[in-house]
Amino acid sequence: MAAWIEGEGLSPWPADLAPRPAALPARIRLEGPAMALALSPGGPVLLQARTTAPVIIALAQGGRAEAPVLFPAGAEYHRSLAAGTAELRLLSPQDGPLTGWLEVTAAPVRPAREGLGEPVVVAPGGSALFGFEVARAARLGLGLRAEPDRVAVLLLDAEGQELAAGMALLRRLPP
């Protein structure tokens, strides 16, 4: 567990933490008490960040910031990035500086088509990102089958906001 008190002018993130541009893919040595990376993938992608040491990670994109996530034995972090820029923040969860390495990659959005799709192999703890465009308002069904069935579908809008989650979804979507 990691805990801190925040308030006006109080944050675990250093006030002078300026994001540095990072191209994808990248392998970056973790250093200092905190780091911030500016990511501009050029289109929607699946961000995959892995670290070799404990870390707290937070992602901000589209004017929204996610709650920080603690990885006590190294990160295996997967998030969809919408088109535009995002900021990946890393904080040392222990006294002292960040240690180890960060590997960040971006996987392209896989096209989702009507009907059964081709099987996709996803490693334990992994993610796959599929995309489709809704030309006109419609009721859409999304389903997933996996062995074992410890998976979930997250339906996101174009900005990465979660609309629904589950194994099978039936939703009315606008264009």
N, C-alpha and C. Protein backbone atom coordinates (compact mmCIF):
# COMPACT_ATOMS: atom_id res chain seq x y z
N MET A 1 0.84 -1.17 0.00
CA MET A 1 0.00 0.00 0.00
C MET A 1 0.89 1.23 0.00
N ALA A 2 0.42 2.24 -0.69
CA ALA A 2 1.09 3.54 -0.68
C ALA A 2 0.03 4.57 -0.29
N ALA A 3 0.36 5.46 0.61
CA ALA A 3 -0.60 6.47 1.05
C ALA A 3 0.12 7.80 1.21
N TRP A 4 -0.61 8.87 0.94
CA TRP A 4 -0.10 10.21 1.14
C TRP A 4 -1.28 11.15 1.32
N ILE A 5 -0.98 12.33 1.78
CA ILE A 5 -2.00 13.35 1.97
C ILE A 5 -1.79 14.41 0.89
N GLU A 6 -2.87 14.73 0.17
CA GLU A 6 -2.81 15.76 -0.85
C GLU A 6 -3.71 16.91 -0.45
N GLY A 7 -3.40 18.05 -0.95
CA GLY A 7 -4.21 19.25 -0.73
C GLY A 7 -3.63 20.36 -1.57
N GLU A 8 -4.17 21.53 -1.38
CA GLU A 8 -3.67 22.65 -2.15
C GLU A 8 -2.18 22.85 -1.85
N GLY A 9 -1.37 22.71 -2.88
CA GLY A 9 0.07 22.87 -2.72
C GLY A 9 0.79 21.65 -2.16
N LEU A 10 0.07 20.57 -1.87
CA LEU A 10 0.68 19.35 -1.34
C LEU A 10 0.41 18.19 -2.27
N SER A 11 1.47 17.55 -2.73
CA SER A 11 1.35 16.41 -3.62
C SER A 11 2.64 15.60 -3.56
N PRO A 12 2.56 14.30 -3.76
CA PRO A 12 3.80 13.52 -3.79
C PRO A 12 4.61 13.79 -5.07
N TRP A 13 3.94 14.35 -6.09
CA TRP A 13 4.63 14.64 -7.35
C TRP A 13 5.37 15.97 -7.20
N PRO A 14 6.64 16.02 -7.52
CA PRO A 14 7.39 17.28 -7.42
C PRO A 14 6.74 18.37 -8.26
N ALA A 15 6.68 19.59 -7.70
CA ALA A 15 6.05 20.71 -8.41
C ALA A 15 6.79 21.07 -9.69
N ASP A 16 8.08 20.84 -9.74
CA ASP A 16 8.88 21.20 -10.91
C ASP A 16 9.07 20.03 -11.88
N LEU A 17 8.19 19.03 -11.82
CA LEU A 17 8.31 17.85 -12.67
C LEU A 17 7.85 18.18 -14.10
N ALA A 18 8.80 18.42 -14.98
CA ALA A 18 8.47 18.75 -16.37
C ALA A 18 8.54 17.47 -17.21
N PRO A 19 7.49 17.20 -18.00
CA PRO A 19 7.53 15.99 -18.83
C PRO A 19 8.56 16.10 -19.93
N ARG A 20 9.27 15.02 -20.15
CA ARG A 20 10.23 15.00 -21.25
C ARG A 20 9.64 14.16 -22.39
N PRO A 21 9.83 14.59 -23.63
CA PRO A 21 9.28 13.84 -24.76
C PRO A 21 9.87 12.44 -24.83
N ALA A 22 9.03 11.47 -25.13
CA ALA A 22 9.49 10.08 -25.27
C ALA A 22 8.85 9.49 -26.52
N ALA A 23 9.69 9.01 -27.42
CA ALA A 23 9.21 8.32 -28.61
C ALA A 23 8.87 6.89 -28.23
N LEU A 24 7.95 6.30 -28.95
CA LEU A 24 7.56 4.90 -28.70
C LEU A 24 8.05 4.03 -29.85
N PRO A 25 8.68 2.93 -29.60
CA PRO A 25 9.03 2.33 -28.32
C PRO A 25 10.27 2.99 -27.71
N ALA A 26 10.43 2.79 -26.41
CA ALA A 26 11.59 3.37 -25.71
C ALA A 26 11.97 2.49 -24.53
N ARG A 27 13.25 2.52 -24.20
CA ARG A 27 13.78 1.88 -22.99
C ARG A 27 14.51 2.98 -22.24
N ILE A 28 14.02 3.27 -21.02
CA ILE A 28 14.48 4.45 -20.29
C ILE A 28 14.91 4.04 -18.89
N ARG A 29 16.09 4.52 -18.49
CA ARG A 29 16.55 4.27 -17.11
C ARG A 29 15.73 5.15 -16.18
N LEU A 30 15.20 4.54 -15.12
CA LEU A 30 14.43 5.27 -14.13
C LEU A 30 15.39 5.92 -13.14
N GLU A 31 15.17 7.22 -12.87
CA GLU A 31 16.06 7.95 -11.98
C GLU A 31 15.32 9.12 -11.35
N GLY A 32 15.83 9.57 -10.22
CA GLY A 32 15.21 10.67 -9.51
C GLY A 32 14.00 10.19 -8.72
N PRO A 33 13.41 11.08 -7.93
CA PRO A 33 12.25 10.68 -7.13
C PRO A 33 10.99 10.47 -7.98
N ALA A 34 10.93 11.13 -9.14
CA ALA A 34 9.77 11.01 -10.03
C ALA A 34 10.19 11.38 -11.45
N MET A 35 9.43 10.89 -12.41
CA MET A 35 9.67 11.20 -13.82
C MET A 35 8.32 11.40 -14.50
N ALA A 36 8.32 12.20 -15.57
CA ALA A 36 7.12 12.38 -16.39
C ALA A 36 7.54 12.30 -17.85
N LEU A 37 6.78 11.55 -18.63
CA LEU A 37 7.06 11.38 -20.05
C LEU A 37 5.89 11.91 -20.86
N ALA A 38 6.18 12.73 -21.86
CA ALA A 38 5.16 13.22 -22.79
C ALA A 38 5.11 12.26 -23.96
N LEU A 39 3.94 11.66 -24.19
CA LEU A 39 3.75 10.69 -25.25
C LEU A 39 2.83 11.27 -26.32
N SER A 40 3.23 11.16 -27.58
CA SER A 40 2.42 11.62 -28.71
C SER A 40 2.44 10.54 -29.78
N PRO A 41 1.63 9.48 -29.62
CA PRO A 41 1.73 8.35 -30.55
C PRO A 41 1.21 8.62 -31.96
N GLY A 42 0.49 9.73 -32.20
CA GLY A 42 0.02 10.04 -33.54
C GLY A 42 -1.33 9.44 -33.88
N GLY A 43 -1.88 8.64 -33.03
CA GLY A 43 -3.19 8.02 -33.23
C GLY A 43 -3.48 7.11 -32.07
N PRO A 44 -4.67 6.53 -32.03
CA PRO A 44 -4.99 5.65 -30.92
C PRO A 44 -4.12 4.40 -30.92
N VAL A 45 -3.63 4.03 -29.74
CA VAL A 45 -2.77 2.85 -29.57
C VAL A 45 -3.03 2.23 -28.21
N LEU A 46 -2.50 1.03 -28.02
CA LEU A 46 -2.48 0.38 -26.72
C LEU A 46 -1.10 0.62 -26.13
N LEU A 47 -1.03 1.41 -25.06
CA LEU A 47 0.22 1.69 -24.37
C LEU A 47 0.54 0.51 -23.47
N GLN A 48 1.78 0.05 -23.53
CA GLN A 48 2.25 -1.02 -22.64
C GLN A 48 3.52 -0.51 -21.98
N ALA A 49 3.48 -0.45 -20.64
CA ALA A 49 4.64 0.03 -19.88
C ALA A 49 5.03 -1.06 -18.88
N ARG A 50 6.31 -1.40 -18.88
CA ARG A 50 6.84 -2.41 -17.96
C ARG A 50 8.06 -1.82 -17.26
N THR A 51 8.17 -2.12 -15.95
CA THR A 51 9.36 -1.68 -15.23
C THR A 51 10.01 -2.89 -14.56
N THR A 52 11.27 -2.73 -14.26
CA THR A 52 12.02 -3.81 -13.61
C THR A 52 12.10 -3.61 -12.10
N ALA A 53 11.45 -2.57 -11.58
CA ALA A 53 11.50 -2.27 -10.15
C ALA A 53 10.16 -1.68 -9.71
N PRO A 54 9.91 -1.63 -8.40
CA PRO A 54 8.66 -1.05 -7.90
C PRO A 54 8.47 0.38 -8.39
N VAL A 55 7.19 0.75 -8.63
CA VAL A 55 6.90 2.08 -9.15
C VAL A 55 5.42 2.40 -8.92
N ILE A 56 5.11 3.67 -8.85
CA ILE A 56 3.73 4.17 -8.88
C ILE A 56 3.56 4.86 -10.21
N ILE A 57 2.51 4.51 -10.95
CA ILE A 57 2.28 5.06 -12.29
C ILE A 57 0.94 5.77 -12.32
N ALA A 58 0.92 6.92 -13.00
CA ALA A 58 -0.32 7.65 -13.25
C ALA A 58 -0.29 8.13 -14.70
N LEU A 59 -1.45 8.12 -15.34
CA LEU A 59 -1.57 8.55 -16.74
C LEU A 59 -2.57 9.68 -16.82
N ALA A 60 -2.23 10.73 -17.56
CA ALA A 60 -3.14 11.84 -17.82
C ALA A 60 -3.26 12.00 -19.33
N GLN A 61 -4.51 12.11 -19.80
CA GLN A 61 -4.74 12.36 -21.22
C GLN A 61 -6.11 13.01 -21.38
N GLY A 62 -6.23 13.85 -22.39
CA GLY A 62 -7.51 14.49 -22.66
C GLY A 62 -8.05 15.30 -21.50
N GLY A 63 -7.17 15.91 -20.70
CA GLY A 63 -7.62 16.71 -19.57
C GLY A 63 -8.06 15.92 -18.36
N ARG A 64 -7.90 14.58 -18.41
CA ARG A 64 -8.28 13.72 -17.29
C ARG A 64 -7.04 12.99 -16.77
N ALA A 65 -6.97 12.83 -15.46
CA ALA A 65 -5.86 12.09 -14.86
C ALA A 65 -6.42 10.87 -14.14
N GLU A 66 -5.83 9.72 -14.40
CA GLU A 66 -6.22 8.50 -13.69
C GLU A 66 -5.61 8.50 -12.30
N ALA A 67 -6.22 7.75 -11.41
CA ALA A 67 -5.65 7.58 -10.08
C ALA A 67 -4.33 6.82 -10.21
N PRO A 68 -3.34 7.17 -9.41
CA PRO A 68 -2.06 6.45 -9.46
C PRO A 68 -2.25 4.98 -9.07
N VAL A 69 -1.42 4.12 -9.67
CA VAL A 69 -1.46 2.68 -9.41
C VAL A 69 -0.09 2.25 -8.90
N LEU A 70 -0.08 1.50 -7.79
CA LEU A 70 1.17 0.99 -7.20
C LEU A 70 1.48 -0.38 -7.78
N PHE A 71 2.72 -0.55 -8.22
CA PHE A 71 3.24 -1.84 -8.68
C PHE A 71 4.42 -2.19 -7.77
N PRO A 72 4.20 -2.99 -6.72
CA PRO A 72 5.25 -3.24 -5.73
C PRO A 72 6.38 -4.14 -6.22
N ALA A 73 6.19 -4.85 -7.33
CA ALA A 73 7.24 -5.74 -7.83
C ALA A 73 7.58 -5.45 -9.29
N GLY A 74 7.35 -4.24 -9.73
CA GLY A 74 7.57 -3.91 -11.13
C GLY A 74 6.23 -3.82 -11.86
N ALA A 75 6.15 -2.92 -12.81
CA ALA A 75 4.88 -2.64 -13.48
C ALA A 75 4.65 -3.52 -14.70
N GLU A 76 3.40 -3.84 -14.90
CA GLU A 76 2.87 -4.43 -16.14
C GLU A 76 1.59 -3.63 -16.36
N TYR A 77 1.70 -2.53 -17.10
CA TYR A 77 0.66 -1.51 -17.19
C TYR A 77 0.18 -1.41 -18.64
N HIS A 78 -1.14 -1.49 -18.84
CA HIS A 78 -1.72 -1.44 -20.17
C HIS A 78 -2.86 -0.43 -20.17
N ARG A 79 -2.84 0.53 -21.09
CA ARG A 79 -3.92 1.51 -21.20
C ARG A 79 -4.09 1.90 -22.66
N SER A 80 -5.33 2.19 -23.03
CA SER A 80 -5.55 2.71 -24.38
C SER A 80 -5.23 4.20 -24.36
N LEU A 81 -4.55 4.64 -25.40
CA LEU A 81 -4.26 6.06 -25.57
C LEU A 81 -5.07 6.54 -26.75
N ALA A 82 -5.81 7.62 -26.57
CA ALA A 82 -6.54 8.23 -27.66
C ALA A 82 -5.54 9.05 -28.49
N ALA A 83 -5.99 9.50 -29.66
CA ALA A 83 -5.14 10.37 -30.47
C ALA A 83 -4.83 11.62 -29.66
N GLY A 84 -3.67 12.19 -29.86
CA GLY A 84 -3.27 13.38 -29.12
C GLY A 84 -2.09 13.07 -28.22
N THR A 85 -1.96 13.84 -27.15
CA THR A 85 -0.83 13.66 -26.26
C THR A 85 -1.31 13.13 -24.91
N ALA A 86 -0.40 12.46 -24.24
CA ALA A 86 -0.66 11.92 -22.91
C ALA A 86 0.60 12.10 -22.08
N GLU A 87 0.44 12.08 -20.77
CA GLU A 87 1.59 12.19 -19.88
C GLU A 87 1.60 10.98 -18.95
N LEU A 88 2.70 10.25 -18.99
CA LEU A 88 2.91 9.10 -18.11
C LEU A 88 3.82 9.55 -16.99
N ARG A 89 3.31 9.45 -15.74
CA ARG A 89 4.09 9.87 -14.58
C ARG A 89 4.50 8.65 -13.77
N LEU A 90 5.73 8.67 -13.29
CA LEU A 90 6.27 7.58 -12.49
C LEU A 90 6.83 8.16 -11.20
N LEU A 91 6.53 7.49 -10.08
CA LEU A 91 6.95 7.97 -8.77
C LEU A 91 7.58 6.82 -8.01
N SER A 92 8.65 7.11 -7.28
CA SER A 92 9.29 6.10 -6.46
C SER A 92 8.38 5.77 -5.27
N PRO A 93 8.07 4.48 -5.06
CA PRO A 93 7.21 4.11 -3.93
C PRO A 93 7.97 3.92 -2.62
N GLN A 94 9.28 4.08 -2.65
CA GLN A 94 10.07 3.90 -1.44
C GLN A 94 10.93 5.14 -1.22
N ASP A 95 11.53 5.21 -0.05
CA ASP A 95 12.47 6.30 0.20
C ASP A 95 13.59 6.17 -0.81
N GLY A 96 13.96 7.25 -1.43
CA GLY A 96 15.03 7.22 -2.41
C GLY A 96 14.49 7.32 -3.83
N PRO A 97 15.40 7.28 -4.79
CA PRO A 97 15.02 7.49 -6.18
C PRO A 97 14.39 6.26 -6.84
N LEU A 98 13.80 6.49 -8.00
CA LEU A 98 13.36 5.40 -8.85
C LEU A 98 14.59 4.58 -9.24
N THR A 99 14.39 3.29 -9.46
CA THR A 99 15.48 2.42 -9.89
C THR A 99 14.99 1.55 -11.04
N GLY A 100 15.92 0.92 -11.71
CA GLY A 100 15.57 -0.02 -12.77
C GLY A 100 15.32 0.66 -14.10
N TRP A 101 14.55 -0.03 -14.93
CA TRP A 101 14.30 0.40 -16.31
C TRP A 101 12.81 0.42 -16.59
N LEU A 102 12.44 1.27 -17.52
CA LEU A 102 11.08 1.35 -18.03
C LEU A 102 11.13 1.03 -19.52
N GLU A 103 10.27 0.12 -19.94
CA GLU A 103 10.08 -0.15 -21.37
C GLU A 103 8.67 0.25 -21.73
N VAL A 104 8.53 1.15 -22.69
CA VAL A 104 7.20 1.57 -23.16
C VAL A 104 7.08 1.24 -24.64
N THR A 105 5.98 0.63 -24.99
CA THR A 105 5.69 0.30 -26.38
C THR A 105 4.26 0.71 -26.68
N ALA A 106 3.94 0.74 -27.96
CA ALA A 106 2.59 1.06 -28.40
C ALA A 106 2.17 0.03 -29.44
N ALA A 107 1.09 -0.67 -29.16
CA ALA A 107 0.55 -1.65 -30.11
C ALA A 107 -0.58 -0.99 -30.88
N PRO A 108 -0.67 -1.25 -32.16
CA PRO A 108 -1.73 -0.61 -32.95
C PRO A 108 -3.11 -1.15 -32.57
N VAL A 109 -4.13 -0.37 -32.91
CA VAL A 109 -5.51 -0.80 -32.71
C VAL A 109 -5.82 -1.84 -33.79
N ARG A 110 -6.35 -2.98 -33.37
CA ARG A 110 -6.73 -4.03 -34.31
C ARG A 110 -8.15 -3.74 -34.79
N PRO A 111 -8.41 -3.89 -36.08
CA PRO A 111 -9.78 -3.64 -36.55
C PRO A 111 -10.73 -4.74 -36.09
N ALA A 112 -11.88 -4.34 -35.58
CA ALA A 112 -12.94 -5.28 -35.20
C ALA A 112 -13.97 -5.27 -36.32
N ARG A 113 -14.34 -6.45 -36.76
CA ARG A 113 -15.30 -6.56 -37.85
C ARG A 113 -16.55 -7.27 -37.35
N GLU A 114 -17.60 -7.19 -38.13
CA GLU A 114 -18.84 -7.85 -37.78
C GLU A 114 -18.66 -9.37 -37.83
N GLY A 115 -19.30 -10.06 -36.91
CA GLY A 115 -19.21 -11.51 -36.85
C GLY A 115 -18.04 -11.96 -36.01
N LEU A 116 -17.75 -13.27 -36.09
CA LEU A 116 -16.63 -13.82 -35.32
C LEU A 116 -15.31 -13.36 -35.92
N GLY A 117 -14.43 -12.91 -35.07
CA GLY A 117 -13.12 -12.48 -35.53
C GLY A 117 -12.11 -13.60 -35.43
N GLU A 118 -10.93 -13.33 -35.94
CA GLU A 118 -9.83 -14.28 -35.84
C GLU A 118 -9.38 -14.39 -34.39
N PRO A 119 -8.95 -15.58 -33.96
CA PRO A 119 -8.45 -15.71 -32.58
C PRO A 119 -7.21 -14.84 -32.36
N VAL A 120 -7.11 -14.31 -31.16
CA VAL A 120 -5.97 -13.49 -30.77
C VAL A 120 -5.40 -14.07 -29.49
N VAL A 121 -4.11 -14.30 -29.46
CA VAL A 121 -3.45 -14.82 -28.26
C VAL A 121 -2.98 -13.63 -27.42
N VAL A 122 -3.39 -13.64 -26.15
CA VAL A 122 -2.99 -12.59 -25.22
C VAL A 122 -2.36 -13.28 -24.01
N ALA A 123 -1.17 -12.86 -23.66
CA ALA A 123 -0.46 -13.45 -22.52
C ALA A 123 -1.20 -13.15 -21.22
N PRO A 124 -1.01 -13.97 -20.19
CA PRO A 124 -1.61 -13.68 -18.89
C PRO A 124 -1.26 -12.26 -18.43
N GLY A 125 -2.26 -11.51 -18.01
CA GLY A 125 -2.06 -10.14 -17.59
C GLY A 125 -1.96 -9.16 -18.74
N GLY A 126 -2.09 -9.64 -19.97
CA GLY A 126 -1.95 -8.79 -21.15
C GLY A 126 -3.26 -8.17 -21.59
N SER A 127 -3.19 -7.43 -22.67
CA SER A 127 -4.35 -6.73 -23.22
C SER A 127 -4.27 -6.71 -24.74
N ALA A 128 -5.40 -6.56 -25.36
CA ALA A 128 -5.49 -6.34 -26.81
C ALA A 128 -6.50 -5.22 -27.01
N LEU A 129 -6.26 -4.37 -27.99
CA LEU A 129 -7.14 -3.23 -28.25
C LEU A 129 -7.71 -3.36 -29.65
N PHE A 130 -9.04 -3.36 -29.73
CA PHE A 130 -9.75 -3.44 -31.00
C PHE A 130 -10.53 -2.15 -31.20
N GLY A 131 -10.70 -1.76 -32.44
CA GLY A 131 -11.42 -0.53 -32.73
C GLY A 131 -12.41 -0.72 -33.86
N PHE A 132 -13.46 0.08 -33.83
CA PHE A 132 -14.44 0.10 -34.90
C PHE A 132 -15.09 1.48 -34.92
N GLU A 133 -15.70 1.81 -36.02
CA GLU A 133 -16.37 3.09 -36.16
C GLU A 133 -17.86 2.84 -36.32
N VAL A 134 -18.66 3.64 -35.65
CA VAL A 134 -20.12 3.53 -35.74
C VAL A 134 -20.58 4.62 -36.70
N ALA A 135 -21.04 4.22 -37.90
CA ALA A 135 -21.44 5.18 -38.92
C ALA A 135 -22.77 5.86 -38.59
N ARG A 136 -23.69 5.12 -37.98
CA ARG A 136 -24.99 5.68 -37.58
C ARG A 136 -25.38 5.03 -36.25
N ALA A 137 -26.27 5.69 -35.53
CA ALA A 137 -26.70 5.15 -34.24
C ALA A 137 -27.19 3.71 -34.43
N ALA A 138 -26.73 2.82 -33.58
CA ALA A 138 -27.09 1.40 -33.72
C ALA A 138 -26.93 0.69 -32.38
N ARG A 139 -27.62 -0.44 -32.27
CA ARG A 139 -27.47 -1.32 -31.11
C ARG A 139 -26.42 -2.36 -31.50
N LEU A 140 -25.34 -2.41 -30.72
CA LEU A 140 -24.23 -3.30 -31.03
C LEU A 140 -24.02 -4.30 -29.91
N GLY A 141 -23.67 -5.51 -30.30
CA GLY A 141 -23.32 -6.55 -29.35
C GLY A 141 -21.84 -6.85 -29.44
N LEU A 142 -21.20 -6.94 -28.30
CA LEU A 142 -19.78 -7.28 -28.22
C LEU A 142 -19.64 -8.44 -27.26
N GLY A 143 -18.87 -9.45 -27.67
CA GLY A 143 -18.67 -10.59 -26.80
C GLY A 143 -17.25 -11.09 -26.89
N LEU A 144 -16.89 -11.89 -25.91
CA LEU A 144 -15.54 -12.39 -25.80
C LEU A 144 -15.59 -13.83 -25.31
N ARG A 145 -14.78 -14.66 -25.87
CA ARG A 145 -14.67 -16.05 -25.40
C ARG A 145 -13.20 -16.32 -25.14
N ALA A 146 -12.92 -16.92 -24.01
CA ALA A 146 -11.53 -17.19 -23.66
C ALA A 146 -11.45 -18.45 -22.83
N GLU A 147 -10.31 -19.10 -22.89
CA GLU A 147 -10.01 -20.29 -22.08
C GLU A 147 -8.76 -19.98 -21.27
N PRO A 148 -8.77 -19.89 -19.97
CA PRO A 148 -9.95 -19.84 -19.11
C PRO A 148 -10.65 -18.49 -19.29
N ASP A 149 -11.84 -18.38 -18.74
CA ASP A 149 -12.68 -17.21 -18.99
C ASP A 149 -12.45 -16.06 -18.00
N ARG A 150 -11.23 -15.78 -17.67
CA ARG A 150 -10.88 -14.68 -16.76
C ARG A 150 -10.50 -13.44 -17.55
N VAL A 151 -11.41 -12.99 -18.38
CA VAL A 151 -11.18 -11.83 -19.22
C VAL A 151 -12.41 -10.93 -19.18
N ALA A 152 -12.26 -9.72 -19.69
CA ALA A 152 -13.39 -8.79 -19.75
C ALA A 152 -13.23 -7.88 -20.95
N VAL A 153 -14.35 -7.44 -21.48
CA VAL A 153 -14.39 -6.44 -22.53
C VAL A 153 -14.59 -5.09 -21.84
N LEU A 154 -13.79 -4.11 -22.21
CA LEU A 154 -14.01 -2.73 -21.80
C LEU A 154 -14.39 -1.98 -23.06
N LEU A 155 -15.56 -1.39 -23.09
CA LEU A 155 -16.01 -0.59 -24.23
C LEU A 155 -15.66 0.85 -23.93
N LEU A 156 -14.82 1.44 -24.77
CA LEU A 156 -14.35 2.81 -24.58
C LEU A 156 -14.83 3.68 -25.73
N ASP A 157 -15.02 4.97 -25.46
CA ASP A 157 -15.34 5.89 -26.54
C ASP A 157 -14.04 6.35 -27.20
N ALA A 158 -14.14 7.24 -28.18
CA ALA A 158 -12.96 7.68 -28.93
C ALA A 158 -11.94 8.40 -28.06
N GLU A 159 -12.37 8.95 -26.92
CA GLU A 159 -11.45 9.64 -26.02
C GLU A 159 -10.90 8.73 -24.94
N GLY A 160 -11.27 7.45 -24.96
CA GLY A 160 -10.76 6.50 -23.98
C GLY A 160 -11.59 6.40 -22.72
N GLN A 161 -12.77 7.04 -22.67
CA GLN A 161 -13.65 6.95 -21.51
C GLN A 161 -14.40 5.62 -21.53
N GLU A 162 -14.44 4.94 -20.39
CA GLU A 162 -15.12 3.65 -20.30
C GLU A 162 -16.64 3.84 -20.37
N LEU A 163 -17.28 3.11 -21.29
CA LEU A 163 -18.73 3.13 -21.44
C LEU A 163 -19.39 1.94 -20.77
N ALA A 164 -18.73 0.77 -20.81
CA ALA A 164 -19.30 -0.45 -20.24
C ALA A 164 -18.18 -1.48 -20.08
N ALA A 165 -18.44 -2.51 -19.25
CA ALA A 165 -17.48 -3.59 -19.05
C ALA A 165 -18.24 -4.89 -18.82
N GLY A 166 -17.63 -6.02 -19.21
CA GLY A 166 -18.22 -7.33 -19.00
C GLY A 166 -17.72 -8.34 -20.01
N MET A 167 -18.28 -9.54 -19.99
CA MET A 167 -17.92 -10.58 -20.96
C MET A 167 -18.71 -10.44 -22.25
N ALA A 168 -19.96 -9.97 -22.14
CA ALA A 168 -20.83 -9.77 -23.30
C ALA A 168 -21.60 -8.48 -23.07
N LEU A 169 -21.61 -7.62 -24.08
CA LEU A 169 -22.25 -6.32 -23.94
C LEU A 169 -23.22 -6.10 -25.09
N LEU A 170 -24.33 -5.46 -24.80
CA LEU A 170 -25.29 -5.03 -25.82
C LEU A 170 -25.57 -3.57 -25.50
N ARG A 171 -25.12 -2.68 -26.38
CA ARG A 171 -25.22 -1.24 -26.12
C ARG A 171 -25.73 -0.52 -27.36
N ARG A 172 -26.48 0.54 -27.12
CA ARG A 172 -26.87 1.45 -28.19
C ARG A 172 -25.80 2.54 -28.22
N LEU A 173 -25.19 2.71 -29.39
CA LEU A 173 -24.10 3.68 -29.53
C LEU A 173 -24.46 4.75 -30.55
N PRO A 174 -24.07 5.97 -30.29
CA PRO A 174 -24.27 7.04 -31.27
C PRO A 174 -23.20 6.94 -32.35
N PRO A 175 -23.38 7.69 -33.44
CA PRO A 175 -22.32 7.66 -34.48
C PRO A 175 -21.00 8.16 -33.92
